[in-house]
Amino acid sequence: MDKKTKGAWLLHHTHKLHNVTSQQGFENTFIAGKAGILLSAISKDDQSDVDNERLNVLAKASNISTAFELPVLIKVLSQQGLIDKGNNGISVLGVTTASTLQHATDIFNSLNPSSSEQAVIDLAERASTYPVLVSDVYEEIGDNYRLAKEDLDQLFDDSEKIGFVDTEKINKSQTLLFNGNLFRRGTTQKIKLVLDALNTDEQEKINELRNRLQKSACVSLDEVKNFLGDNLFNKVSSIGLFDISFVSNSTEKAGFVTLPSAFSKYSNSMVEDAFDLAKAFVSSITYGMTKSNHERGKIQMVEALLKTLVRGESVGPVNAIAEDYKILELKGVVAVKHGSKKGRTGPMLSLLKKEIGVLALQVIEQGDISEHSLSMLPTAAVTEFNGPEANRERVRRKQIETNARSTNDMLFALRTGGGL
């Protein structure tokens, strides 16, 4: 496993550990993942200075405690030579998403992680390729990481309860493991296997929806639910066949659907968009296309705007910039400053992470982002973004409560069709 992929799993596991009361046994995973999250938030393409006030704001936005966690993470990043700490703030090296993931892996390795922490990364990676039976990987994981039976049993139990992997009971003696990254790479064969496990009507609906998503950057969640029906929607979304994201503001919460592989550039979407930054960027940009009126600063030539940002130039000034990109500011993707251009003065927008702009531009160029396909975006500034994995997890929990085996056939088809 390369360092970028391992780093992406550290981020994945850290988000899961946020939802449990204790990180005992996975402290090094949590520290390394949090350090990666903080580094992503405070860095941009080139070296920069971040004052203490902005540092605290970015940390809080990243769900990092400024009183307890931030000092530890600053020390860790400083020891790795990634930041220099001063009295009034820090100086940060320029890093990309890929290098941030590599740094998270380096930090993890430097903390002397336990065999169990190493093993759950391996287990998650295996379960993201194709669903696997516990019995097929149990002994191999134990042998590779020299885990006693008691520790191995605890590892599989923790992995299920924390959410490092999902489980599906086949029968009393067999349990299938999978996770939400099944369709972020090598998707063609996997999708065929899933379709083969559905009836003809369900197959036609899934194919039609995929065709629509390949032409549009995203489709309204309500529209997708109405088209698929609740049963089929819950079945396919719980295994990650589609990504579901939400953008929120003070007045409403709006959902939209994308393909998991939509943000893949050179490798896989799990690595390319480990922080969900590209999805957040596209949702905010497309809001400006569809909901802002001309006086506020409606985006009418989105490709030209993105290309300007990617070239390192600022766009504006328009008043909407000061309101509509708060979530991107808090994620360290863009900067909003007062400036002048073409005789006008006001809020200006610049891109801090070029690669995120490139990913967003790629998706927009490949799909037909239209007012029709994006009409579900909110009518006020986007201030919150909830990514696909958290939403898949909620659908999965709801599904288990109502019909525990509704994904069984698809997962089993994936496993057997995958040659495992």
Protein backbone atom coordinates (compact mmCIF):
# COMPACT_ATOMS: atom_id res chain seq x y z
CA MET A 1 0.00 0.00 0.00
CA ASP A 2 1.48 3.38 -0.96
CA LYS A 3 1.76 6.23 1.54
CA LYS A 4 -1.03 8.28 -0.04
CA THR A 5 -3.54 5.45 0.25
CA LYS A 6 -2.44 4.66 3.79
CA GLY A 7 -2.84 8.32 4.69
CA ALA A 8 -6.35 8.33 3.23
CA TRP A 9 -7.22 5.38 5.46
CA LEU A 10 -5.82 7.23 8.47
CA LEU A 11 -8.20 10.11 7.67
CA HIS A 12 -11.07 7.65 7.21
CA HIS A 13 -10.37 5.94 10.53
CA THR A 14 -9.95 9.25 12.36
CA HIS A 15 -13.39 10.41 11.26
CA LYS A 16 -14.82 7.10 12.55
CA LEU A 17 -12.98 7.52 15.88
CA HIS A 18 -14.64 10.92 16.30
CA ASN A 19 -17.93 9.08 16.83
CA VAL A 20 -16.81 6.91 19.75
CA THR A 21 -16.26 7.94 23.36
CA SER A 22 -12.72 6.57 23.59
CA GLN A 23 -9.90 6.19 21.09
CA GLN A 24 -8.11 3.69 23.32
CA GLY A 25 -5.99 1.32 21.28
CA PHE A 26 -6.01 3.66 18.26
CA GLU A 27 -4.41 6.77 19.76
CA ASN A 28 -1.64 6.92 17.15
CA THR A 29 -4.16 6.62 14.31
CA PHE A 30 -6.16 9.46 15.82
CA ILE A 31 -3.15 11.75 16.29
CA ALA A 32 -1.80 11.12 12.78
CA GLY A 33 -5.23 11.61 11.21
CA LYS A 34 -5.90 14.79 13.16
CA ALA A 35 -2.46 16.12 12.23
CA GLY A 36 -3.27 15.50 8.56
CA ILE A 37 -6.63 17.25 8.89
CA LEU A 38 -5.02 20.27 10.57
CA LEU A 39 -2.19 20.42 8.03
CA SER A 40 -4.69 20.43 5.17
CA ALA A 41 -6.67 23.26 6.77
CA ILE A 42 -3.69 25.55 7.47
CA SER A 43 -1.64 24.99 4.32
CA LYS A 44 -1.79 26.22 0.75
CA ASP A 45 0.21 25.62 -2.41
CA ASP A 46 3.21 27.67 -1.27
CA GLN A 47 4.69 28.55 2.10
CA SER A 48 2.49 30.81 4.21
CA ASP A 49 2.11 32.36 7.64
CA VAL A 50 -0.97 31.72 9.78
CA ASP A 51 -1.55 33.93 12.80
CA ASN A 52 -2.87 32.48 16.06
CA GLU A 53 -6.39 33.81 15.55
CA ARG A 54 -6.77 32.18 12.13
CA LEU A 55 -5.08 29.01 13.42
CA ASN A 56 -7.69 28.67 16.17
CA VAL A 57 -10.57 29.33 13.76
CA LEU A 58 -9.33 26.70 11.29
CA ALA A 59 -8.74 24.19 14.10
CA LYS A 60 -12.25 24.63 15.50
CA ALA A 61 -13.73 24.27 12.01
CA SER A 62 -11.80 20.99 11.69
CA ASN A 63 -13.28 19.67 14.95
CA ILE A 64 -9.95 20.05 16.76
CA SER A 65 -9.97 21.19 20.38
CA THR A 66 -7.86 24.36 20.66
CA ALA A 67 -7.24 23.80 24.37
CA PHE A 68 -6.20 20.14 24.37
CA GLU A 69 -5.58 18.76 20.87
CA LEU A 70 -4.15 21.74 19.00
CA PRO A 71 -0.95 22.15 21.11
CA VAL A 72 -0.18 18.45 20.69
CA LEU A 73 -0.75 18.55 16.93
CA ILE A 74 1.34 21.71 16.52
CA LYS A 75 4.18 19.93 18.33
CA VAL A 76 3.82 16.85 16.12
CA LEU A 77 3.83 18.90 12.89
CA SER A 78 6.80 20.93 14.13
CA GLN A 79 8.77 17.78 14.92
CA GLN A 80 8.16 16.63 11.35
CA GLY A 81 9.55 19.92 10.02
CA LEU A 82 6.24 20.85 8.40
CA ILE A 83 5.67 24.05 10.40
CA ASP A 84 7.69 26.61 12.35
CA LYS A 85 6.05 27.94 15.48
CA GLY A 86 6.40 31.57 16.54
CA ASN A 87 4.86 33.72 19.27
CA ASN A 88 2.15 35.14 17.02
CA GLY A 89 1.41 32.12 14.84
CA ILE A 90 3.02 29.52 12.62
CA SER A 91 4.76 29.30 9.26
CA VAL A 92 3.56 26.42 7.09
CA LEU A 93 5.23 24.63 4.21
CA GLY A 94 3.24 24.44 0.98
CA VAL A 95 1.64 20.99 0.63
CA THR A 96 -0.87 19.31 -1.68
CA THR A 97 -3.60 16.88 -0.63
CA ALA A 98 -1.44 13.96 -1.77
CA SER A 99 1.59 15.15 0.19
CA THR A 100 -0.60 15.83 3.23
CA LEU A 101 -1.68 12.20 3.15
CA GLN A 102 1.97 11.12 2.86
CA HIS A 103 2.88 13.31 5.84
CA ALA A 104 0.05 11.76 7.85
CA THR A 105 1.53 8.34 7.11
CA ASP A 106 5.02 9.51 8.14
CA ILE A 107 3.61 10.86 11.41
CA PHE A 108 1.74 7.61 12.04
CA ASN A 109 4.88 5.54 11.43
CA SER A 110 6.96 7.79 13.69
CA LEU A 111 4.57 7.17 16.59
CA ASN A 112 5.36 3.42 16.63
CA PRO A 113 1.80 2.29 16.04
CA SER A 114 0.62 -1.01 17.45
CA SER A 115 0.16 -4.11 15.33
CA SER A 116 -3.60 -3.73 15.70
CA GLU A 117 -3.48 -0.16 14.31
CA GLN A 118 -1.51 -1.39 11.31
CA ALA A 119 -3.83 -4.36 10.87
CA VAL A 120 -7.08 -2.36 10.72
CA ILE A 121 -5.66 -0.30 7.84
CA ASP A 122 -4.85 -3.51 5.97
CA LEU A 123 -8.31 -4.89 6.77
CA ALA A 124 -10.06 -1.74 5.52
CA GLU A 125 -8.06 -1.78 2.30
CA ARG A 126 -8.97 -5.41 1.65
CA ALA A 127 -12.65 -4.70 2.30
CA SER A 128 -12.59 -1.80 -0.15
CA THR A 129 -11.37 -3.94 -3.05
CA TYR A 130 -14.16 -6.52 -2.80
CA PRO A 131 -16.29 -7.69 0.13
CA VAL A 132 -14.43 -10.39 2.07
CA LEU A 133 -15.51 -13.05 4.53
CA VAL A 134 -14.08 -12.79 8.03
CA SER A 135 -13.08 -16.44 7.81
CA ASP A 136 -11.04 -15.75 4.64
CA VAL A 137 -8.85 -13.04 6.21
CA TYR A 138 -8.90 -13.88 9.92
CA GLU A 139 -5.84 -16.13 10.09
CA GLU A 140 -3.83 -14.16 7.53
CA ILE A 141 -4.32 -10.87 9.39
CA GLY A 142 -3.38 -12.59 12.64
CA ASP A 143 -0.25 -14.14 11.14
CA ASN A 144 0.89 -11.00 9.28
CA TYR A 145 0.65 -8.80 12.36
CA ARG A 146 1.47 -11.48 14.95
CA LEU A 147 -1.73 -11.02 16.88
CA ALA A 148 -2.84 -13.48 19.53
CA LYS A 149 -6.37 -14.85 19.14
CA GLU A 150 -7.70 -12.62 21.92
CA ASP A 151 -6.21 -9.51 20.28
CA LEU A 152 -7.40 -10.61 16.85
CA ASP A 153 -10.97 -11.12 18.07
CA GLN A 154 -10.84 -7.69 19.69
CA LEU A 155 -9.57 -6.14 16.44
CA PHE A 156 -12.47 -7.50 14.37
CA ASP A 157 -14.94 -6.49 17.07
CA ASP A 158 -13.50 -2.95 17.27
CA SER A 159 -13.41 -2.63 13.47
CA GLU A 160 -17.13 -3.34 13.27
CA LYS A 161 -18.22 -1.24 16.26
CA ILE A 162 -16.09 1.79 15.39
CA GLY A 163 -16.91 1.55 11.69
CA PHE A 164 -13.51 0.86 10.13
CA VAL A 165 -15.45 -1.76 8.14
CA ASP A 166 -19.12 -2.60 7.68
CA THR A 167 -20.46 -6.09 8.27
CA GLU A 168 -23.21 -8.11 6.67
CA LYS A 169 -24.27 -11.43 8.22
CA ILE A 170 -24.53 -14.16 5.58
CA ASN A 171 -25.56 -16.82 8.08
CA LYS A 172 -24.81 -17.77 11.69
CA SER A 173 -21.20 -18.66 10.93
CA GLN A 174 -20.27 -16.29 8.07
CA THR A 175 -19.85 -12.50 8.13
CA LEU A 176 -19.01 -10.38 5.11
CA LEU A 177 -16.85 -7.26 5.47
CA PHE A 178 -17.00 -4.21 3.17
CA ASN A 179 -16.81 -0.42 3.36
CA GLY A 180 -17.92 2.73 1.56
CA ASN A 181 -14.92 2.89 -0.77
CA LEU A 182 -15.94 -0.09 -2.91
CA PHE A 183 -16.79 2.06 -5.93
CA ARG A 184 -13.97 4.60 -5.88
CA ARG A 185 -11.69 2.50 -8.10
CA GLY A 186 -12.01 -0.38 -10.53
CA THR A 187 -15.70 0.42 -10.82
CA THR A 188 -16.72 -1.07 -14.19
CA GLN A 189 -16.65 -4.75 -13.22
CA LYS A 190 -18.03 -4.09 -9.75
CA ILE A 191 -21.02 -2.19 -11.10
CA LYS A 192 -21.77 -5.02 -13.52
CA LEU A 193 -21.73 -7.49 -10.64
CA VAL A 194 -24.11 -5.33 -8.61
CA LEU A 195 -26.48 -4.95 -11.55
CA ASP A 196 -26.50 -8.73 -12.07
CA ALA A 197 -27.83 -9.07 -8.51
CA LEU A 198 -30.78 -6.74 -9.21
CA ASN A 199 -33.97 -7.39 -11.10
CA THR A 200 -34.50 -5.99 -14.61
CA ASP A 201 -36.46 -2.92 -13.51
CA GLU A 202 -33.85 -2.06 -10.87
CA GLN A 203 -31.02 -2.51 -13.38
CA GLU A 204 -32.66 -0.13 -15.84
CA LYS A 205 -33.14 2.52 -13.16
CA ILE A 206 -29.54 2.29 -11.93
CA ASN A 207 -28.17 2.48 -15.48
CA GLU A 208 -30.34 5.50 -16.29
CA LEU A 209 -29.24 7.28 -13.12
CA ARG A 210 -25.57 6.55 -13.80
CA ASN A 211 -25.94 7.94 -17.31
CA ARG A 212 -27.45 11.12 -15.90
CA LEU A 213 -24.66 11.46 -13.36
CA GLN A 214 -22.04 11.01 -16.06
CA LYS A 215 -23.57 13.95 -17.91
CA SER A 216 -24.18 16.14 -14.85
CA ALA A 217 -21.92 16.90 -11.93
CA CYS A 218 -24.69 16.09 -9.48
CA VAL A 219 -28.39 15.36 -9.22
CA SER A 220 -30.82 16.36 -6.48
CA LEU A 221 -31.11 13.80 -3.70
CA ASP A 222 -34.90 14.18 -3.63
CA GLU A 223 -35.01 13.59 -7.37
CA VAL A 224 -32.91 10.43 -7.03
CA LYS A 225 -35.06 9.09 -4.19
CA ASN A 226 -38.24 9.68 -6.16
CA PHE A 227 -36.76 8.00 -9.22
CA LEU A 228 -35.31 4.92 -7.50
CA GLY A 229 -37.83 4.49 -4.70
CA ASP A 230 -36.83 4.15 -1.06
CA ASN A 231 -36.02 0.44 -1.15
CA LEU A 232 -33.63 0.53 -4.11
CA PHE A 233 -32.15 3.85 -2.99
CA ASN A 234 -31.29 2.48 0.46
CA LYS A 235 -29.85 -0.73 -0.97
CA VAL A 236 -27.41 0.88 -3.39
CA SER A 237 -26.46 3.95 -1.37
CA SER A 238 -25.62 1.93 1.74
CA ILE A 239 -22.84 0.09 -0.12
CA GLY A 240 -21.49 3.29 -1.65
CA LEU A 241 -22.69 2.89 -5.24
CA PHE A 242 -23.45 6.63 -5.16
CA ASP A 243 -22.08 9.46 -3.05
CA ILE A 244 -24.59 11.52 -1.08
CA SER A 245 -23.53 14.93 0.22
CA PHE A 246 -25.33 17.76 1.96
CA VAL A 247 -24.78 21.50 1.93
CA SER A 248 -26.39 23.52 4.69
CA ASN A 249 -27.03 27.07 5.79
CA SER A 250 -29.20 28.84 8.32
CA THR A 251 -32.38 28.21 6.35
CA GLU A 252 -32.17 24.72 4.86
CA LYS A 253 -30.21 21.52 4.25
CA ALA A 254 -30.00 20.27 0.67
CA GLY A 255 -28.69 16.93 -0.56
CA PHE A 256 -27.15 15.91 -3.87
CA VAL A 257 -25.75 12.77 -5.45
CA THR A 258 -22.51 12.22 -7.37
CA LEU A 259 -20.58 9.21 -8.64
CA PRO A 260 -17.89 8.02 -6.18
CA SER A 261 -15.32 8.02 -8.98
CA ALA A 262 -16.22 11.50 -10.25
CA PHE A 263 -13.24 13.13 -8.59
CA SER A 264 -10.56 10.67 -9.70
CA LYS A 265 -7.77 12.33 -11.63
CA TYR A 266 -4.64 10.21 -11.84
CA SER A 267 -5.35 7.53 -9.25
CA ASN A 268 -8.51 6.89 -7.21
CA SER A 269 -11.12 9.17 -5.71
CA MET A 270 -10.37 7.98 -2.22
CA VAL A 271 -6.93 9.59 -2.44
CA GLU A 272 -7.82 12.51 -4.67
CA ASP A 273 -10.63 13.75 -2.45
CA ALA A 274 -9.75 12.33 0.96
CA PHE A 275 -10.81 15.57 2.63
CA ASP A 276 -14.02 16.05 0.55
CA LEU A 277 -12.61 19.42 -0.50
CA ALA A 278 -13.41 19.09 -4.19
CA LYS A 279 -17.04 18.17 -3.46
CA ALA A 280 -17.37 21.14 -1.11
CA PHE A 281 -15.81 23.39 -3.76
CA VAL A 282 -18.14 22.24 -6.54
CA SER A 283 -21.22 22.61 -4.31
CA SER A 284 -20.31 26.19 -3.41
CA ILE A 285 -19.35 27.20 -6.95
CA THR A 286 -22.52 25.73 -8.42
CA TYR A 287 -24.61 27.54 -5.83
CA GLY A 288 -23.20 30.76 -7.25
CA MET A 289 -24.24 29.61 -10.72
CA THR A 290 -27.82 28.83 -9.90
CA LYS A 291 -28.99 30.83 -6.90
CA SER A 292 -27.27 34.20 -6.88
CA ASN A 293 -28.92 36.98 -8.87
CA HIS A 294 -26.85 39.18 -11.17
CA GLU A 295 -26.63 42.04 -8.67
CA ARG A 296 -25.10 39.77 -6.02
CA GLY A 297 -22.61 38.29 -8.45
CA LYS A 298 -24.17 35.36 -10.24
CA ILE A 299 -21.59 33.07 -11.84
CA GLN A 300 -22.32 32.88 -15.54
CA MET A 301 -19.06 31.44 -16.95
CA VAL A 302 -17.99 28.86 -14.38
CA GLU A 303 -15.21 27.30 -16.48
CA ALA A 304 -13.65 30.71 -17.11
CA LEU A 305 -13.90 31.52 -13.41
CA LEU A 306 -12.24 28.26 -12.34
CA LYS A 307 -9.48 28.61 -14.92
CA THR A 308 -8.78 32.12 -13.62
CA LEU A 309 -8.53 30.80 -10.06
CA VAL A 310 -6.33 27.87 -11.10
CA ARG A 311 -3.95 30.32 -12.87
CA GLY A 312 -3.46 31.99 -9.49
CA GLU A 313 -5.52 35.09 -10.25
CA SER A 314 -8.26 36.52 -8.03
CA VAL A 315 -11.89 36.92 -9.12
CA GLY A 316 -14.34 39.64 -8.10
CA PRO A 317 -15.02 42.04 -6.65
CA VAL A 318 -18.67 41.17 -5.90
CA ASN A 319 -20.55 41.17 -2.62
CA ALA A 320 -21.57 37.50 -2.94
CA ILE A 321 -17.95 36.43 -2.46
CA ALA A 322 -18.02 37.67 1.15
CA GLU A 323 -21.04 35.47 1.89
CA ASP A 324 -21.08 32.35 -0.26
CA TYR A 325 -17.72 30.72 0.34
CA LYS A 326 -17.45 30.55 4.12
CA ILE A 327 -17.17 26.77 4.25
CA LEU A 328 -14.31 26.87 1.72
CA GLU A 329 -12.56 29.51 3.81
CA LEU A 330 -12.87 27.36 6.91
CA LYS A 331 -11.47 24.37 5.02
CA GLY A 332 -8.50 26.42 3.81
CA VAL A 333 -9.40 26.07 0.13
CA VAL A 334 -9.94 29.75 -0.71
CA ALA A 335 -9.10 33.16 0.72
CA VAL A 336 -11.47 36.14 0.68
CA LYS A 337 -9.89 39.59 0.90
CA HIS A 338 -10.85 43.16 0.09
CA GLY A 339 -9.36 44.28 -3.22
CA SER A 340 -9.80 46.13 -6.50
CA LYS A 341 -10.13 45.06 -10.12
CA LYS A 342 -11.19 46.92 -13.27
CA GLY A 343 -12.03 50.05 -11.33
CA ARG A 344 -14.26 48.29 -8.80
CA THR A 345 -13.53 47.59 -5.12
CA GLY A 346 -14.91 44.88 -2.86
CA PRO A 347 -14.50 41.23 -1.79
CA MET A 348 -12.05 39.21 -3.94
CA LEU A 349 -11.69 35.42 -4.06
CA SER A 350 -8.40 33.55 -4.56
CA LEU A 351 -7.60 29.84 -4.59
CA LEU A 352 -5.21 28.49 -1.93
CA LYS A 353 -5.23 24.86 -3.12
CA LYS A 354 -4.75 24.73 -6.89
CA GLU A 355 -5.27 20.97 -7.11
CA ILE A 356 -8.79 21.27 -5.67
CA GLY A 357 -9.67 23.82 -8.33
CA VAL A 358 -8.27 21.50 -11.00
CA LEU A 359 -10.44 18.61 -9.72
CA ALA A 360 -13.54 20.80 -9.64
CA LEU A 361 -12.82 22.06 -13.15
CA GLN A 362 -12.38 18.51 -14.41
CA VAL A 363 -15.77 17.42 -13.09
CA ILE A 364 -17.50 20.50 -14.43
CA GLU A 365 -15.91 20.16 -17.88
CA GLN A 366 -16.82 16.48 -18.11
CA GLY A 367 -20.43 16.95 -17.05
CA ASP A 368 -23.22 19.24 -18.04
CA ILE A 369 -23.72 21.33 -14.90
CA SER A 370 -26.96 23.09 -15.57
CA GLU A 371 -29.48 25.02 -13.56
CA HIS A 372 -31.85 22.07 -13.89
CA SER A 373 -29.41 19.53 -12.48
CA LEU A 374 -28.32 21.81 -9.64
CA SER A 375 -31.61 23.44 -8.70
CA MET A 376 -31.52 21.77 -5.28
CA LEU A 377 -28.65 23.91 -4.01
CA PRO A 378 -29.60 26.27 -1.15
CA THR A 379 -30.87 29.80 -1.43
CA ALA A 380 -28.40 31.31 1.03
CA ALA A 381 -24.67 31.07 1.62
CA VAL A 382 -23.29 27.55 2.15
CA THR A 383 -21.92 27.34 5.69
CA GLU A 384 -21.69 23.58 6.23
CA PHE A 385 -20.78 20.53 4.18
CA ASN A 386 -21.45 16.90 5.15
CA GLY A 387 -19.52 14.41 3.05
CA PRO A 388 -20.55 11.09 1.50
CA GLU A 389 -19.20 8.64 4.08
CA ALA A 390 -21.10 10.13 6.99
CA ASN A 391 -24.30 10.05 4.96
CA ARG A 392 -23.73 6.48 3.74
CA GLU A 393 -23.21 5.46 7.36
CA ARG A 394 -26.56 6.96 8.36
CA VAL A 395 -28.37 5.17 5.53
CA ARG A 396 -26.63 1.94 6.48
CA ARG A 397 -27.65 2.20 10.16
CA LYS A 398 -31.24 2.91 9.17
CA GLN A 399 -31.19 -0.02 6.77
CA ILE A 400 -29.89 -2.43 9.41
CA GLU A 401 -32.75 -1.42 11.71
CA THR A 402 -35.40 -2.09 9.06
CA ASN A 403 -33.97 -4.87 6.86
CA ALA A 404 -30.59 -6.18 7.88
CA ARG A 405 -30.06 -8.29 4.74
CA SER A 406 -31.24 -5.96 2.01
CA THR A 407 -27.72 -5.54 0.59
CA ASN A 408 -26.79 -9.18 0.98
CA ASP A 409 -27.23 -10.30 -2.62
CA MET A 410 -25.26 -7.40 -4.07
CA LEU A 411 -22.38 -7.80 -1.65
CA PHE A 412 -22.23 -11.54 -2.17
CA ALA A 413 -22.25 -11.04 -5.96
CA LEU A 414 -19.36 -8.61 -5.61
CA ARG A 415 -17.41 -11.06 -3.51
CA THR A 416 -17.90 -14.11 -5.74
CA GLY A 417 -17.58 -12.12 -8.95
CA GLY A 418 -14.36 -10.59 -7.65
CA GLY A 419 -12.77 -14.00 -7.63
CA LEU A 420 -12.38 -14.16 -3.86
